[in-house]
Amino acid sequence: MKDRMCIDIIYGKGFKPKTVKINFMRYIVAYVRSLKIRAIYKKMGLKETVKYINKFSCNKVLCLEKQNAVYNARRIVILSNRISKILSLSDNCLENSLALSTILLSLGYEHSLLIGKHRNYMGGDYIFHAWLEIDGTCVNGIVGTKEMLIVVHKNNFCLKGK
């Protein structure tokens, strides 16, 4: 019965694609929560949004394979981004990172939200970027993002009871 409620996210190249099993209903609930978080961010800003995201933390670790957490999270991020494109949602990196943060936390992945800046050499203004990390590895952006930017904000999202 449980297998029917799971979906496989297929990825990889070659003859043996890898799959990540996630509970379909849990993912749908998490994605709907992420839509609410987008609305909260637009109305209330970053501080209030982070408070709301912490309320969505699950009570137990659902991701049992710690070594595959980054791979699995990246596949969930890709699926979420594809759905967001279909729904024509914002491409704002902070808004997307907050929404993805809600999904990952709801599915049992502990992670960090980081905001970094670097100077635009053409105009002299700063350019800001937001991304998520699990165990120091970027899951929703380019690997090496942290090395290109100066981190100005970091928020760790942990599971309840830890």
Protein backbone atom coordinates (compact mmCIF):
# COMPACT_ATOMS: atom_id res chain seq x y z
CA MET A 1 0.00 0.00 0.00
CA LYS A 2 2.78 2.43 0.86
CA ASP A 3 4.47 1.84 -2.51
CA ARG A 4 1.36 3.05 -4.33
CA MET A 5 1.56 6.36 -2.48
CA CYS A 6 5.15 6.97 -3.56
CA ILE A 7 6.41 8.52 -6.75
CA ASP A 8 9.78 7.91 -8.29
CA ILE A 9 11.80 10.86 -9.43
CA ILE A 10 13.93 9.41 -12.20
CA TYR A 11 17.24 10.99 -13.04
CA GLY A 12 20.61 10.05 -14.38
CA LYS A 13 22.08 9.14 -17.73
CA GLY A 14 22.71 5.83 -19.38
CA PHE A 15 20.90 2.54 -19.08
CA LYS A 16 20.40 2.48 -15.30
CA PRO A 17 18.63 5.64 -14.19
CA LYS A 18 18.60 6.31 -10.45
CA THR A 19 15.37 6.96 -8.62
CA VAL A 20 14.40 8.79 -5.46
CA LYS A 21 11.24 7.59 -3.73
CA ILE A 22 9.16 10.23 -1.97
CA ASN A 23 5.69 9.99 -0.52
CA PHE A 24 3.38 11.62 -3.08
CA MET A 25 0.83 13.02 -0.62
CA ARG A 26 3.55 14.38 1.67
CA TYR A 27 5.15 16.09 -1.33
CA ILE A 28 1.83 17.65 -2.46
CA VAL A 29 1.19 18.98 1.06
CA ALA A 30 4.75 20.36 1.17
CA TYR A 31 4.35 22.02 -2.24
CA VAL A 32 1.06 23.68 -1.21
CA ARG A 33 2.81 24.95 1.92
CA SER A 34 5.54 26.42 -0.29
CA LEU A 35 2.89 28.36 -2.22
CA LYS A 36 1.66 29.82 1.08
CA ILE A 37 5.23 30.75 2.00
CA ARG A 38 5.60 32.69 -1.26
CA ALA A 39 2.51 34.74 -0.36
CA ILE A 40 3.73 35.31 3.22
CA TYR A 41 7.14 36.48 1.95
CA LYS A 42 5.53 39.00 -0.40
CA LYS A 43 3.36 40.41 2.40
CA MET A 44 5.58 40.22 5.48
CA GLY A 45 9.22 39.94 4.45
CA LEU A 46 12.08 37.60 5.33
CA LYS A 47 11.98 37.53 9.16
CA GLU A 48 8.32 36.59 9.41
CA THR A 49 8.63 34.05 6.61
CA VAL A 50 11.47 32.23 8.39
CA LYS A 51 9.26 31.97 11.51
CA TYR A 52 6.49 30.38 9.44
CA ILE A 53 8.87 27.92 7.76
CA ASN A 54 10.01 26.63 11.16
CA LYS A 55 6.37 25.77 11.96
CA PHE A 56 6.33 23.31 9.03
CA SER A 57 9.15 21.17 10.38
CA CYS A 58 8.28 17.50 10.70
CA ASN A 59 8.88 15.59 13.93
CA LYS A 60 11.12 12.86 12.60
CA VAL A 61 13.83 12.27 10.07
CA LEU A 62 12.22 10.98 6.88
CA CYS A 63 15.46 10.98 4.94
CA LEU A 64 17.17 7.90 6.37
CA GLU A 65 20.01 7.79 3.85
CA LYS A 66 22.15 10.65 5.12
CA GLN A 67 24.82 10.14 2.45
CA ASN A 68 22.22 10.56 -0.31
CA ALA A 69 20.50 13.58 1.26
CA VAL A 70 22.10 16.10 -1.13
CA TYR A 71 21.30 13.99 -4.23
CA ASN A 72 17.73 13.39 -3.11
CA ALA A 73 17.19 17.04 -2.21
CA ARG A 74 18.49 18.15 -5.61
CA ARG A 75 15.99 15.86 -7.36
CA ILE A 76 13.15 17.26 -5.22
CA VAL A 77 14.33 20.79 -6.09
CA ILE A 78 14.33 19.96 -9.82
CA LEU A 79 10.79 18.55 -9.62
CA SER A 80 9.60 21.60 -7.66
CA ASN A 81 11.23 23.99 -10.13
CA ARG A 82 9.53 22.25 -13.06
CA ILE A 83 6.13 22.56 -11.38
CA SER A 84 6.85 26.23 -10.59
CA LYS A 85 7.68 26.89 -14.26
CA ILE A 86 4.39 25.29 -15.33
CA LEU A 87 2.53 27.48 -12.83
CA SER A 88 4.53 30.55 -13.99
CA LEU A 89 5.75 31.41 -10.50
CA SER A 90 8.44 33.97 -9.71
CA ASP A 91 12.11 33.45 -10.61
CA ASN A 92 13.25 35.47 -7.58
CA CYS A 93 16.04 33.44 -5.95
CA LEU A 94 15.07 34.37 -2.37
CA GLU A 95 11.39 33.57 -2.91
CA ASN A 96 12.29 30.25 -4.55
CA SER A 97 14.74 29.35 -1.79
CA LEU A 98 12.14 30.06 0.89
CA ALA A 99 9.55 27.94 -0.93
CA LEU A 100 12.03 25.08 -1.45
CA SER A 101 13.08 25.38 2.17
CA THR A 102 9.49 24.69 3.21
CA ILE A 103 9.33 21.62 0.98
CA LEU A 104 12.66 20.18 2.16
CA LEU A 105 11.88 20.77 5.83
CA SER A 106 8.43 19.20 5.44
CA LEU A 107 10.05 16.13 3.85
CA GLY A 108 12.61 15.76 6.65
CA TYR A 109 15.74 17.41 5.24
CA GLU A 110 17.73 19.67 7.55
CA HIS A 111 19.37 22.49 5.60
CA SER A 112 20.55 26.09 5.65
CA LEU A 113 19.31 29.15 3.82
CA LEU A 114 22.15 31.48 2.82
CA ILE A 115 22.14 34.95 1.32
CA GLY A 116 25.32 36.27 -0.21
CA LYS A 117 26.52 39.37 -2.01
CA HIS A 118 29.25 40.43 -4.38
CA ARG A 119 30.14 43.72 -5.95
CA ASN A 120 29.05 44.36 -9.49
CA TYR A 121 32.22 45.71 -11.06
CA MET A 122 30.35 47.54 -13.79
CA GLY A 123 28.16 49.75 -11.63
CA GLY A 124 29.69 49.41 -8.20
CA ASP A 125 26.42 48.18 -6.65
CA TYR A 126 26.09 44.90 -4.80
CA ILE A 127 24.36 41.89 -6.30
CA PHE A 128 22.61 39.54 -3.86
CA HIS A 129 21.76 35.85 -4.24
CA ALA A 130 19.98 33.27 -2.04
CA TRP A 131 20.48 29.50 -2.03
CA LEU A 132 20.05 26.37 0.12
CA GLU A 133 22.74 24.03 1.42
CA ILE A 134 22.75 20.58 3.00
CA ASP A 135 25.98 19.74 4.83
CA GLY A 136 27.74 22.65 3.12
CA THR A 137 26.73 21.60 -0.42
CA CYS A 138 24.46 23.80 -2.55
CA VAL A 139 21.23 22.01 -3.55
CA ASN A 140 19.34 24.63 -5.56
CA GLY A 141 22.01 26.46 -7.46
CA ILE A 142 25.49 26.25 -8.84
CA VAL A 143 28.04 24.31 -6.83
CA GLY A 144 30.68 26.81 -5.72
CA THR A 145 28.20 29.64 -5.20
CA LYS A 146 29.45 30.13 -1.65
CA GLU A 147 33.00 30.72 -2.88
CA MET A 148 31.88 33.45 -5.30
CA LEU A 149 29.87 35.41 -2.73
CA ILE A 150 30.27 36.88 0.73
CA VAL A 151 27.64 35.29 3.01
CA VAL A 152 25.66 38.03 4.78
CA HIS A 153 22.87 35.89 6.24
CA LYS A 154 22.59 32.23 7.25
CA ASN A 155 19.57 30.51 8.76
CA ASN A 156 19.65 26.85 9.78
CA PHE A 157 16.41 24.86 9.54
CA CYS A 158 16.35 21.81 11.83
CA LEU A 159 13.76 19.14 12.49
CA LYS A 160 11.61 19.38 15.59
CA GLY A 161 13.02 17.63 18.63
CA LYS A 162 16.67 18.23 17.69
